[in-house]
Amino acid sequence: MKTLSHSSNPSVPHTVRELCDGLADHQYSAVELVEHCLERIDATTDSVRAFVEVFRSTARQQAGESDERHRAGRPLSPIDGIPFAVKDIIGMQGRKMSAGSRSVDIVPASDASIISRLRSAGGIILGTTRMHELAYGPSGLNDFDGGARNPRFPGIIPGGSSSGSAAAVAAGLSPIALGSDTGGSIRAPATLCGIVGFKPSYDLLPITGVHPTAPTLDHLGFLTSSVEDVRIAMNVFAGIPLAEEGPHAGRRLAVFDDPDLTVDPAIATALSNAVDALSDRGWHVESVTAPSGFDVMDVSTTIMAYEAYRVNRERLETVPELLGADVRERLEDGARITRDQYEHALGEVDRVRTEMSALAAPFDALVNATIPITGPSIEAGARPDVRRMLMRNTRLQNLLGVPAISLPGDPSGPAPWGIQLFSRRGRDAALLASAAAVASDLAG
């Protein structure tokens, strides 16, 4: 059997595609694959700190069962035997869920819907990953358990709230991870850890059994090393076609310009260079302007804070001392938002949704920088102004419920940075095809 590399270099993790092919061709077994992941996890316990809990015995058991299916020629799906890391906000029967908080101590009686799908497909659960408390912050920092660490860019925050899931993939501990995204919580850590992060259209992946943050904005999604890996996962979990298809609108991209946003010059230059490279590769690129009179941050903050407070009202009132200062302050802010303010914000989203759909219609994707600032240090990551900028370019897609993906930016640019592509709701397959083409052209 082929021996899996035990390289400690986190920049060359195994992709889901490589591992699927290796398992199908019997180059190695699922048991060997799981043991490889467990060794990598153990070797990075103190340096990366990606996992809250590692399910060693059950992962080995699941791997053995997968090997039996492969030997019999009856794998459950293309990902049968592939290890997954799971954000500690997604319920698993009999497993404690903490949502990154001392105020949460839940042992679900049943699996979340996404976990049921994962088990039905033969995926192997390595364990649960660290996160920003209550999935309510973009830095990934956590006062109570220390949080995960960025394995590729030491000293830079890992991003949140799906920090441990991003770190696990970036460090090669797991080829794929489940995360949640309420305002950028998959795409921001993907950018800061130098990997791919995808948030599909709203409700395409069910959130039943996931601890809520703001229910009308909450999405599940995947963190991986490649767009192809996302496509494999979305094919298995959501039935998105995997057929090789090109962009649908004639290789047309629109740079999404927001006149009210000040972008770090290094990020602006990196994005401009990437767009020029795509133009040289045959993409037709235009510039479009964000709808006027719509403050993304104010509207999204109103909706998110109003809903997050109501989700967490009881713990804020009964055990506030168990909440981190940043989360407690944000929940207290939510308590001051009125129903009228909330409903007005929802109405604004309805108005802009129509405008944005028309704006996006002629293009394969709209493009901008995932994060408009360079990667903040751990010391800077907790500052309110930095926190606001981390979410500035990723909240609109949650408000609209549209698919969005973050790709690692050209390494010649500032490290780290990411390029975000998004489209209209329901065009997930087309967006992923475009993202694959963009990634290939930027790499070439």
Protein backbone atom coordinates (compact mmCIF):
# COMPACT_ATOMS: atom_id res chain seq x y z
CA MET A 1 0.00 0.00 0.00
CA LYS A 2 1.05 3.57 -0.63
CA THR A 3 2.49 5.26 2.44
CA LEU A 4 0.92 8.54 3.44
CA SER A 5 3.40 11.35 3.86
CA HIS A 6 4.12 12.26 7.47
CA SER A 7 5.60 15.60 6.49
CA SER A 8 5.13 18.28 9.11
CA ASN A 9 4.89 20.93 6.38
CA PRO A 10 1.34 22.29 6.72
CA SER A 11 1.43 23.88 3.26
CA VAL A 12 0.95 20.53 1.50
CA PRO A 13 -2.06 18.79 3.07
CA HIS A 14 -3.71 15.89 1.31
CA THR A 15 -6.79 16.85 -0.66
CA VAL A 16 -10.10 15.04 -0.46
CA ARG A 17 -9.74 14.13 -4.15
CA GLU A 18 -6.33 12.54 -3.61
CA LEU A 19 -7.58 10.58 -0.63
CA CYS A 20 -10.78 9.43 -2.35
CA ASP A 21 -8.71 8.11 -5.24
CA GLY A 22 -6.22 6.44 -2.92
CA LEU A 23 -8.95 4.67 -0.95
CA ALA A 24 -10.78 3.59 -4.11
CA ASP A 25 -7.56 2.18 -5.58
CA HIS A 26 -6.64 0.44 -2.29
CA GLN A 27 -3.36 2.37 -2.11
CA TYR A 28 -3.97 2.66 1.63
CA SER A 29 -6.79 1.92 4.02
CA ALA A 30 -9.15 4.18 5.91
CA VAL A 31 -7.56 2.90 9.12
CA GLU A 32 -4.13 4.03 7.91
CA LEU A 33 -5.58 7.37 6.90
CA VAL A 34 -7.19 7.92 10.30
CA GLU A 35 -3.99 6.92 12.10
CA HIS A 36 -2.10 9.44 9.98
CA CYS A 37 -4.55 12.19 10.97
CA LEU A 38 -4.42 11.23 14.65
CA GLU A 39 -0.62 11.35 14.61
CA ARG A 40 -0.71 14.81 13.06
CA ILE A 41 -3.29 15.97 15.62
CA ASP A 42 -1.19 14.69 18.52
CA ALA A 43 1.92 16.36 17.12
CA THR A 44 0.19 19.76 17.00
CA THR A 45 -1.83 19.67 20.22
CA ASP A 46 0.12 22.54 21.75
CA SER A 47 1.07 24.46 18.61
CA VAL A 48 -2.18 24.48 16.58
CA ARG A 49 -4.75 23.56 19.23
CA ALA A 50 -7.39 22.90 16.57
CA PHE A 51 -9.45 20.29 18.42
CA VAL A 52 -11.61 20.46 21.52
CA GLU A 53 -12.04 16.69 21.65
CA VAL A 54 -10.64 13.91 19.48
CA PHE A 55 -12.78 10.79 18.97
CA ARG A 56 -9.94 8.30 18.65
CA SER A 57 -11.76 5.05 19.35
CA THR A 58 -14.88 5.80 17.31
CA ALA A 59 -12.82 7.20 14.41
CA ARG A 60 -10.83 3.97 14.31
CA GLN A 61 -14.01 1.93 14.48
CA GLN A 62 -15.61 3.92 11.67
CA ALA A 63 -12.45 3.51 9.59
CA GLY A 64 -12.49 -0.25 10.05
CA GLU A 65 -16.12 -0.40 8.94
CA SER A 66 -15.28 1.74 5.90
CA ASP A 67 -12.45 -0.61 4.96
CA GLU A 68 -14.83 -3.55 5.08
CA ARG A 69 -17.18 -1.76 2.68
CA HIS A 70 -14.33 -0.89 0.32
CA ARG A 71 -13.08 -4.49 0.33
CA ALA A 72 -16.58 -5.65 -0.51
CA GLY A 73 -16.82 -3.09 -3.31
CA ARG A 74 -19.75 -1.32 -1.63
CA PRO A 75 -18.62 2.11 -0.42
CA LEU A 76 -21.49 4.31 0.72
CA SER A 77 -20.34 7.34 -1.29
CA PRO A 78 -17.19 8.87 -2.81
CA ILE A 79 -16.23 10.17 0.65
CA ASP A 80 -16.58 6.83 2.44
CA GLY A 81 -13.50 6.67 4.67
CA ILE A 82 -12.61 10.39 4.45
CA PRO A 83 -11.89 12.03 7.84
CA PHE A 84 -13.80 15.18 8.82
CA ALA A 85 -13.28 17.74 11.56
CA VAL A 86 -16.52 19.17 12.96
CA LYS A 87 -17.02 22.58 14.55
CA ASP A 88 -18.13 22.33 18.18
CA ILE A 89 -21.49 23.91 17.42
CA ILE A 90 -22.86 20.97 15.43
CA GLY A 91 -24.77 18.44 17.51
CA MET A 92 -23.69 14.81 17.73
CA GLN A 93 -25.66 12.24 19.68
CA GLY A 94 -24.18 11.62 23.12
CA ARG A 95 -21.27 14.03 22.58
CA LYS A 96 -20.93 17.17 24.67
CA MET A 97 -21.33 20.41 22.75
CA SER A 98 -19.87 23.57 24.28
CA ALA A 99 -20.08 26.05 21.36
CA GLY A 100 -16.78 27.44 22.63
CA SER A 101 -18.39 28.67 25.86
CA ARG A 102 -18.45 27.81 29.54
CA SER A 103 -22.12 28.77 29.47
CA VAL A 104 -23.06 25.88 27.15
CA ASP A 105 -23.11 22.27 28.26
CA ILE A 106 -25.35 20.32 25.92
CA VAL A 107 -25.36 16.60 25.16
CA PRO A 108 -27.66 16.21 22.14
CA ALA A 109 -30.07 13.29 22.07
CA SER A 110 -29.68 13.02 18.31
CA ASP A 111 -27.33 13.98 15.51
CA ALA A 112 -27.67 17.24 13.63
CA SER A 113 -29.04 16.66 10.15
CA ILE A 114 -25.65 17.36 8.56
CA ILE A 115 -24.02 14.75 10.80
CA SER A 116 -26.65 12.20 9.80
CA ARG A 117 -25.76 12.87 6.17
CA LEU A 118 -22.06 12.57 6.95
CA ARG A 119 -22.53 9.20 8.66
CA SER A 120 -24.78 7.95 5.84
CA ALA A 121 -22.02 8.80 3.37
CA GLY A 122 -19.36 6.94 5.37
CA GLY A 123 -17.44 10.02 6.46
CA ILE A 124 -15.29 9.60 9.57
CA ILE A 125 -15.53 12.13 12.39
CA LEU A 126 -12.14 12.89 13.92
CA GLY A 127 -13.48 15.19 16.61
CA THR A 128 -14.75 18.67 17.42
CA THR A 129 -12.88 21.88 16.70
CA ARG A 130 -12.34 25.09 18.65
CA MET A 131 -14.24 28.24 17.82
CA HIS A 132 -15.01 31.79 18.83
CA GLU A 133 -17.43 31.71 21.75
CA LEU A 134 -21.05 31.08 20.68
CA ALA A 135 -19.89 31.54 17.06
CA TYR A 136 -20.25 35.25 17.74
CA GLY A 137 -16.96 36.80 16.69
CA PRO A 138 -14.60 36.97 13.69
CA SER A 139 -11.21 36.73 15.39
CA GLY A 140 -11.30 33.13 16.59
CA LEU A 141 -9.80 34.24 19.90
CA ASN A 142 -11.29 32.62 22.98
CA ASP A 143 -10.55 33.72 26.53
CA PHE A 144 -11.64 30.45 28.11
CA ASP A 145 -9.76 27.77 26.19
CA GLY A 146 -7.09 29.84 24.46
CA GLY A 147 -8.52 29.27 21.00
CA ALA A 148 -6.88 27.70 17.98
CA ARG A 149 -3.66 28.97 16.42
CA ASN A 150 -2.93 29.87 12.83
CA PRO A 151 -0.63 27.10 11.54
CA ARG A 152 0.50 28.87 8.36
CA PHE A 153 0.89 32.43 9.58
CA PRO A 154 2.11 32.35 13.18
CA GLY A 155 1.23 35.42 15.20
CA ILE A 156 -1.79 36.20 13.02
CA ILE A 157 -5.28 35.42 14.28
CA PRO A 158 -6.83 32.25 12.81
CA GLY A 159 -10.13 34.05 12.16
CA GLY A 160 -13.52 33.10 13.45
CA SER A 161 -15.72 31.81 14.33
CA SER A 162 -14.71 28.53 12.63
CA SER A 163 -11.10 28.94 13.74
CA GLY A 164 -10.35 25.34 14.72
CA SER A 165 -11.88 23.93 11.55
CA ALA A 166 -9.73 26.22 9.40
CA ALA A 167 -6.62 25.46 11.43
CA ALA A 168 -7.24 21.71 11.19
CA VAL A 169 -7.34 21.81 7.40
CA ALA A 170 -4.48 24.29 7.04
CA ALA A 171 -2.23 22.17 9.27
CA GLY A 172 -3.07 18.94 7.43
CA LEU A 173 -4.81 17.42 10.43
CA SER A 174 -8.02 16.76 8.48
CA PRO A 175 -8.59 17.05 4.74
CA ILE A 176 -11.95 18.73 5.22
CA ALA A 177 -13.89 20.39 8.02
CA LEU A 178 -17.44 21.48 8.71
CA GLY A 179 -17.94 25.05 9.85
CA SER A 180 -20.75 27.53 10.31
CA ASP A 181 -21.04 31.00 8.81
CA THR A 182 -23.36 33.74 10.10
CA GLY A 183 -21.45 36.74 8.78
CA GLY A 184 -18.22 35.34 7.37
CA SER A 185 -17.27 32.69 9.93
CA ILE A 186 -16.09 30.21 7.30
CA ARG A 187 -14.65 32.60 4.74
CA ALA A 188 -12.68 34.81 7.15
CA PRO A 189 -10.74 31.95 8.81
CA ALA A 190 -10.23 30.32 5.41
CA THR A 191 -8.57 33.52 4.20
CA LEU A 192 -6.46 34.02 7.30
CA CYS A 193 -5.30 30.38 7.30
CA GLY A 194 -4.66 30.26 3.55
CA ILE A 195 -7.28 27.70 2.48
CA VAL A 196 -10.64 27.50 0.69
CA GLY A 197 -13.91 28.26 2.50
CA PHE A 198 -17.39 27.88 1.01
CA LYS A 199 -20.77 29.05 2.27
CA PRO A 200 -23.62 27.72 0.10
CA SER A 201 -27.04 29.24 -0.49
CA TYR A 202 -29.16 29.60 2.61
CA ASP A 203 -30.66 26.31 3.86
CA LEU A 204 -29.02 24.22 1.13
CA LEU A 205 -27.22 22.46 3.97
CA PRO A 206 -29.69 21.96 6.86
CA ILE A 207 -28.93 23.70 10.16
CA THR A 208 -31.24 21.48 12.23
CA GLY A 209 -29.31 20.37 15.32
CA VAL A 210 -26.78 23.20 15.06
CA HIS A 211 -26.58 25.59 18.01
CA PRO A 212 -28.01 28.82 16.57
CA THR A 213 -26.28 32.17 16.44
CA ALA A 214 -28.73 34.23 14.35
CA PRO A 215 -31.12 31.80 12.65
CA THR A 216 -32.01 33.86 9.58
CA LEU A 217 -28.30 34.30 8.80
CA ASP A 218 -26.82 30.96 9.90
CA HIS A 219 -25.28 28.73 7.24
CA LEU A 220 -23.19 25.57 7.28
CA GLY A 221 -20.32 25.03 4.88
CA PHE A 222 -16.93 23.48 4.25
CA LEU A 223 -13.27 24.35 4.68
CA THR A 224 -10.91 22.50 2.35
CA SER A 225 -7.66 22.73 0.44
CA SER A 226 -9.22 23.08 -3.01
CA VAL A 227 -12.39 24.05 -4.86
CA GLU A 228 -12.61 20.52 -6.19
CA ASP A 229 -12.86 19.23 -2.63
CA VAL A 230 -15.78 21.59 -1.99
CA ARG A 231 -17.48 20.32 -5.12
CA ILE A 232 -17.08 16.71 -3.97
CA ALA A 233 -18.58 17.56 -0.59
CA MET A 234 -21.48 19.51 -2.05
CA ASN A 235 -22.21 16.68 -4.45
CA VAL A 236 -22.48 14.22 -1.56
CA PHE A 237 -24.23 16.47 0.96
CA ALA A 238 -26.50 18.53 -1.30
CA GLY A 239 -26.67 16.74 -4.64
CA ILE A 240 -24.84 19.54 -6.48
CA PRO A 241 -23.66 18.13 -9.84
CA LEU A 242 -19.98 17.26 -9.99
CA ALA A 243 -19.79 17.20 -13.79
CA GLU A 244 -16.98 19.27 -15.21
CA GLU A 245 -18.63 22.42 -16.45
CA GLY A 246 -17.31 25.82 -17.27
CA PRO A 247 -18.59 29.26 -16.34
CA HIS A 248 -22.10 29.92 -17.65
CA ALA A 249 -21.99 33.62 -18.55
CA GLY A 250 -19.06 33.60 -20.94
CA ARG A 251 -16.27 33.98 -18.38
CA ARG A 252 -17.57 37.28 -17.08
CA LEU A 253 -16.59 38.64 -13.69
CA ALA A 254 -17.60 41.85 -11.95
CA VAL A 255 -15.36 43.50 -9.39
CA PHE A 256 -17.73 44.50 -6.60
CA ASP A 257 -16.80 48.02 -5.60
CA ASP A 258 -18.01 49.63 -2.40
CA PRO A 259 -17.21 53.38 -2.44
CA ASP A 260 -17.77 53.59 1.32
CA LEU A 261 -15.05 51.04 2.08
CA THR A 262 -11.40 51.92 2.60
CA VAL A 263 -9.30 48.94 1.54
CA ASP A 264 -5.77 48.37 2.74
CA PRO A 265 -3.49 49.43 -0.18
CA ALA A 266 -1.66 46.09 -0.13
CA ILE A 267 -4.95 44.20 -0.43
CA ALA A 268 -6.21 46.55 -3.16
CA THR A 269 -3.02 46.01 -5.16
CA ALA A 270 -3.16 42.23 -4.72
CA LEU A 271 -6.79 42.12 -5.88
CA SER A 272 -6.04 44.37 -8.85
CA ASN A 273 -3.13 42.14 -9.87
CA ALA A 274 -5.32 39.04 -9.59
CA VAL A 275 -8.04 40.63 -11.70
CA ASP A 276 -5.47 41.67 -14.32
CA ALA A 277 -4.15 38.10 -14.43
CA LEU A 278 -7.66 36.76 -14.97
CA SER A 279 -8.25 39.31 -17.72
CA ASP A 280 -5.06 38.14 -19.41
CA ARG A 281 -6.43 34.59 -19.23
CA GLY A 282 -9.56 35.50 -21.14
CA TRP A 283 -11.99 36.65 -18.46
CA HIS A 284 -14.10 39.68 -19.29
CA VAL A 285 -13.95 41.88 -16.21
CA GLU A 286 -16.16 44.84 -15.37
CA SER A 287 -16.71 46.89 -12.25
CA VAL A 288 -20.06 47.21 -10.49
CA THR A 289 -21.00 49.38 -7.54
CA ALA A 290 -22.78 48.30 -4.39
CA PRO A 291 -26.39 49.51 -4.04
CA SER A 292 -26.55 53.00 -2.59
CA GLY A 293 -28.22 53.86 0.68
CA PHE A 294 -27.56 50.45 2.19
CA ASP A 295 -25.16 50.14 5.11
CA VAL A 296 -24.27 46.45 5.20
CA MET A 297 -22.72 46.56 8.63
CA ASP A 298 -25.53 48.50 10.29
CA VAL A 299 -28.27 46.34 8.77
CA SER A 300 -26.52 43.05 9.45
CA THR A 301 -25.56 44.08 12.97
CA THR A 302 -29.18 44.96 13.73
CA ILE A 303 -30.47 41.58 12.52
CA MET A 304 -27.65 39.51 13.95
CA ALA A 305 -27.61 41.19 17.36
CA TYR A 306 -31.39 41.10 17.72
CA GLU A 307 -31.53 37.38 16.97
CA ALA A 308 -28.37 36.42 18.89
CA TYR A 309 -29.67 38.12 22.02
CA ARG A 310 -32.93 36.15 21.85
CA VAL A 311 -31.07 32.90 21.33
CA ASN A 312 -28.82 33.58 24.33
CA ARG A 313 -31.06 35.71 26.54
CA GLU A 314 -31.35 33.16 29.33
CA ARG A 315 -27.61 32.61 29.71
CA LEU A 316 -26.97 36.37 29.57
CA GLU A 317 -29.47 36.93 32.38
CA THR A 318 -28.57 33.93 34.55
CA VAL A 319 -24.83 33.27 34.05
CA PRO A 320 -23.31 36.43 32.55
CA GLU A 321 -20.07 35.74 34.42
CA LEU A 322 -19.56 32.66 32.24
CA LEU A 323 -19.50 34.72 29.05
CA GLY A 324 -16.43 36.34 27.56
CA ALA A 325 -16.40 40.14 27.69
CA ASP A 326 -16.68 40.67 23.92
CA VAL A 327 -19.60 38.27 23.51
CA ARG A 328 -21.39 39.56 26.60
CA GLU A 329 -21.13 43.15 25.36
CA ARG A 330 -22.49 42.22 21.94
CA LEU A 331 -25.42 40.35 23.50
CA GLU A 332 -26.16 43.34 25.70
CA ASP A 333 -26.17 45.53 22.60
CA GLY A 334 -28.71 43.16 21.05
CA ALA A 335 -31.02 43.61 24.02
CA ARG A 336 -31.37 47.29 23.13
CA ILE A 337 -32.54 46.71 19.55
CA THR A 338 -36.27 47.13 19.13
CA ARG A 339 -38.62 44.99 17.09
CA ASP A 340 -39.28 47.96 14.79
CA GLN A 341 -35.57 48.40 14.12
CA TYR A 342 -35.24 44.69 13.38
CA GLU A 343 -38.18 44.64 10.98
CA HIS A 344 -36.93 47.76 9.23
CA ALA A 345 -33.55 46.06 8.68
CA LEU A 346 -35.28 42.98 7.24
CA GLY A 347 -37.18 45.26 4.86
CA GLU A 348 -33.92 46.84 3.72
CA VAL A 349 -32.55 43.38 2.94
CA ASP A 350 -35.61 42.60 0.83
CA ARG A 351 -35.07 45.80 -1.16
CA VAL A 352 -31.39 45.18 -1.78
CA ARG A 353 -31.90 41.51 -2.58
CA THR A 354 -33.79 42.47 -5.75
CA GLU A 355 -31.14 45.02 -6.75
CA MET A 356 -28.27 42.62 -6.12
CA SER A 357 -29.91 39.81 -8.07
CA ALA A 358 -30.24 42.06 -11.11
CA LEU A 359 -26.69 43.33 -10.65
CA ALA A 360 -25.25 39.80 -10.52
CA ALA A 361 -27.35 38.28 -13.31
CA PRO A 362 -25.02 38.99 -16.29
CA PHE A 363 -21.93 37.61 -14.55
CA ASP A 364 -20.46 34.29 -13.54
CA ALA A 365 -19.49 35.84 -10.22
CA LEU A 366 -18.98 39.07 -8.34
CA VAL A 367 -15.47 39.44 -6.95
CA ASN A 368 -13.88 41.30 -4.06
CA ALA A 369 -11.28 40.78 -1.36
CA THR A 370 -12.61 38.45 1.32
CA ILE A 371 -11.09 40.66 4.02
CA PRO A 372 -10.15 44.27 3.15
CA ILE A 373 -7.27 44.46 5.64
CA THR A 374 -4.04 42.54 6.09
CA GLY A 375 -4.05 39.73 8.64
CA PRO A 376 -4.26 41.20 12.15
CA SER A 377 -1.94 40.12 14.92
CA ILE A 378 -3.34 38.29 17.93
CA GLU A 379 -2.95 41.50 19.91
CA ALA A 380 -4.93 43.53 17.35
CA GLY A 381 -7.55 40.89 16.62
CA ALA A 382 -9.79 41.74 19.57
CA ARG A 383 -10.10 45.46 18.77
CA PRO A 384 -13.64 46.54 17.74
CA ASP A 385 -12.41 48.43 14.66
CA VAL A 386 -10.45 45.40 13.47
CA ARG A 387 -13.36 43.10 14.22
CA ARG A 388 -15.63 45.29 12.10
CA MET A 389 -13.26 45.24 9.13
CA LEU A 390 -12.84 41.46 9.33
CA MET A 391 -16.57 41.10 8.63
CA ARG A 392 -17.01 44.04 6.25
CA ASN A 393 -16.93 42.10 2.98
CA THR A 394 -18.55 38.85 4.10
CA ARG A 395 -21.81 39.90 5.73
CA LEU A 396 -23.76 40.86 2.61
CA GLN A 397 -23.78 37.26 1.36
CA ASN A 398 -25.40 36.04 4.58
CA LEU A 399 -28.03 38.76 4.42
CA LEU A 400 -28.91 37.72 0.88
CA GLY A 401 -28.50 33.98 1.44
CA VAL A 402 -26.29 33.67 -1.65
CA PRO A 403 -23.39 31.25 -2.22
CA ALA A 404 -19.90 32.63 -1.58
CA ILE A 405 -16.41 31.16 -1.65
CA SER A 406 -13.02 32.44 -0.52
CA LEU A 407 -9.90 31.35 -2.40
CA PRO A 408 -6.32 31.85 -1.18
CA GLY A 409 -4.78 34.91 -2.79
CA ASP A 410 -1.58 34.88 -4.79
CA PRO A 411 1.29 34.28 -2.34
CA SER A 412 3.20 37.16 -3.93
CA GLY A 413 0.64 39.48 -2.32
CA PRO A 414 0.26 40.27 1.39
CA ALA A 415 0.20 37.17 3.52
CA PRO A 416 -2.50 36.17 4.08
CA TRP A 417 -5.20 37.50 1.78
CA GLY A 418 -8.14 35.97 -0.04
CA ILE A 419 -10.31 36.58 -3.09
CA GLN A 420 -14.06 36.12 -2.66
CA LEU A 421 -16.49 35.09 -5.39
CA PHE A 422 -20.26 35.18 -4.91
CA SER A 423 -23.36 34.92 -7.05
CA ARG A 424 -27.16 34.74 -6.92
CA ARG A 425 -29.00 32.42 -4.58
CA GLY A 426 -29.34 28.91 -5.95
CA ARG A 427 -26.44 29.21 -8.40
CA ASP A 428 -24.10 27.16 -6.23
CA ALA A 429 -23.04 24.72 -8.95
CA ALA A 430 -22.28 27.52 -11.41
CA LEU A 431 -20.35 29.50 -8.78
CA LEU A 432 -18.22 26.48 -7.88
CA ALA A 433 -17.48 25.86 -11.55
CA SER A 434 -16.41 29.49 -11.94
CA ALA A 435 -14.33 29.33 -8.74
CA ALA A 436 -12.54 26.22 -10.01
CA ALA A 437 -11.75 28.00 -13.27
CA VAL A 438 -10.56 31.14 -11.47
CA ALA A 439 -8.38 29.13 -9.09
CA SER A 440 -6.83 27.25 -12.02
CA ASP A 441 -6.15 30.42 -13.98
CA LEU A 442 -4.62 32.21 -11.00
CA ALA A 443 -2.41 29.20 -10.28
CA GLY A 444 -1.32 29.00 -13.92
